[in-house]
Every structure is written in structure tokens, then in C-alpha cells.
Amino acid sequence: MEQNDKTRTLVLGALAGALVGLAAAMILINDAEKKNDKPHLSAGDGVKVGLGLLGVLRLLTDSGK
């Protein structure tokens, strides 16, 4: 793989991650506003999100094979 391809892949991955993170934050904020509460993410919810992201990463790495 050429260096240019590596750089492009890293930049696109970083942008995609930032957009997904922004969308997740917006969902948390909207949910909190509907409940007239502060945005919060419990430890259990954080674990669920983390495991879900690991599953997505596994799918992405397996698709490249």
C-alpha cells in the first residue's frame, strides 16, 4: 500500500469517526432535552456502545479479507 493511500484512509477514518461521534452527542442531547434533563451516559450504556463499536470494527476488518 502506498503512503498516499494510507494517509487518505486515515483521514477518511478520522472524519467518519468524528461525524459518528457528533451524531451520537446530538442524539444524547436531544434525548436529554426531551426529558428536561442533563445529557448522561451510564457505565452500562458506555460498555454497550463500546462493544457495539468493536463489533463494527470487526466487520470492517473482516470485509477487507
Protein backbone atom coordinates (compact mmCIF):
# COMPACT_ATOMS: atom_id res chain seq x y z
CA MET A 1 0.00 0.00 0.00
CA GLU A 2 1.36 3.40 -0.94
CA GLN A 3 1.84 6.15 1.62
CA ASN A 4 -0.77 8.31 -0.15
CA ASP A 5 -3.36 5.54 0.22
CA LYS A 6 -2.52 5.13 3.91
CA THR A 7 -2.88 8.86 4.54
CA ARG A 8 -6.19 9.04 2.67
CA THR A 9 -7.54 6.04 4.61
CA LEU A 10 -6.51 7.55 7.95
CA VAL A 11 -8.04 10.94 7.13
CA LEU A 12 -11.31 9.40 5.94
CA GLY A 13 -11.46 7.17 9.01
CA ALA A 14 -10.85 10.12 11.31
CA LEU A 15 -13.56 12.18 9.59
CA ALA A 16 -16.02 9.29 9.74
CA GLY A 17 -15.28 8.79 13.43
CA ALA A 18 -15.76 12.49 14.15
CA LEU A 19 -19.09 12.53 12.31
CA VAL A 20 -20.34 9.44 14.14
CA GLY A 21 -19.25 10.93 17.46
CA LEU A 22 -21.02 14.19 16.65
CA ALA A 23 -24.19 12.33 15.72
CA ALA A 24 -24.06 10.33 18.96
CA ALA A 25 -23.62 13.51 21.00
CA MET A 26 -26.56 15.14 19.22
CA ILE A 27 -28.75 12.12 19.97
CA LEU A 28 -27.79 12.25 23.67
CA ILE A 29 -28.50 15.99 23.81
CA ASN A 30 -31.86 15.67 22.04
CA ASP A 31 -32.90 12.84 24.35
CA ALA A 32 -31.92 14.87 27.42
CA GLU A 33 -33.80 17.93 26.14
CA LYS A 34 -36.96 15.87 25.67
CA LYS A 35 -36.70 14.76 29.31
CA ASN A 36 -35.66 18.25 30.56
CA ASP A 37 -32.52 16.68 32.00
CA LYS A 38 -28.75 16.87 31.51
CA PRO A 39 -27.13 14.54 28.96
CA HIS A 40 -25.69 11.47 30.68
CA LEU A 41 -24.34 8.09 29.68
CA SER A 42 -24.27 5.40 32.34
CA ALA A 43 -21.37 2.99 32.70
CA GLY A 44 -23.55 0.17 31.40
CA ASP A 45 -24.56 2.19 28.36
CA GLY A 46 -20.90 3.03 27.75
CA VAL A 47 -20.00 -0.65 27.78
CA LYS A 48 -22.82 -1.41 25.34
CA VAL A 49 -21.62 1.32 22.98
CA GLY A 50 -18.03 0.12 23.24
CA LEU A 51 -18.94 -3.48 22.47
CA GLY A 52 -21.10 -2.33 19.57
CA LEU A 53 -18.19 -0.36 18.13
CA LEU A 54 -15.90 -3.36 18.49
CA GLY A 55 -18.42 -5.39 16.51
CA VAL A 56 -18.46 -2.78 13.75
CA LEU A 57 -14.67 -2.71 13.66
CA ARG A 58 -14.58 -6.50 13.41
CA LEU A 59 -16.99 -6.34 10.45
CA LEU A 60 -14.82 -3.74 8.74
CA THR A 61 -11.61 -5.71 9.21
CA ASP A 62 -13.22 -8.97 8.07
CA SER A 63 -14.60 -7.33 4.93
CA GLY A 64 -11.06 -6.48 3.82
CA LYS A 65 -10.04 -10.13 3.65
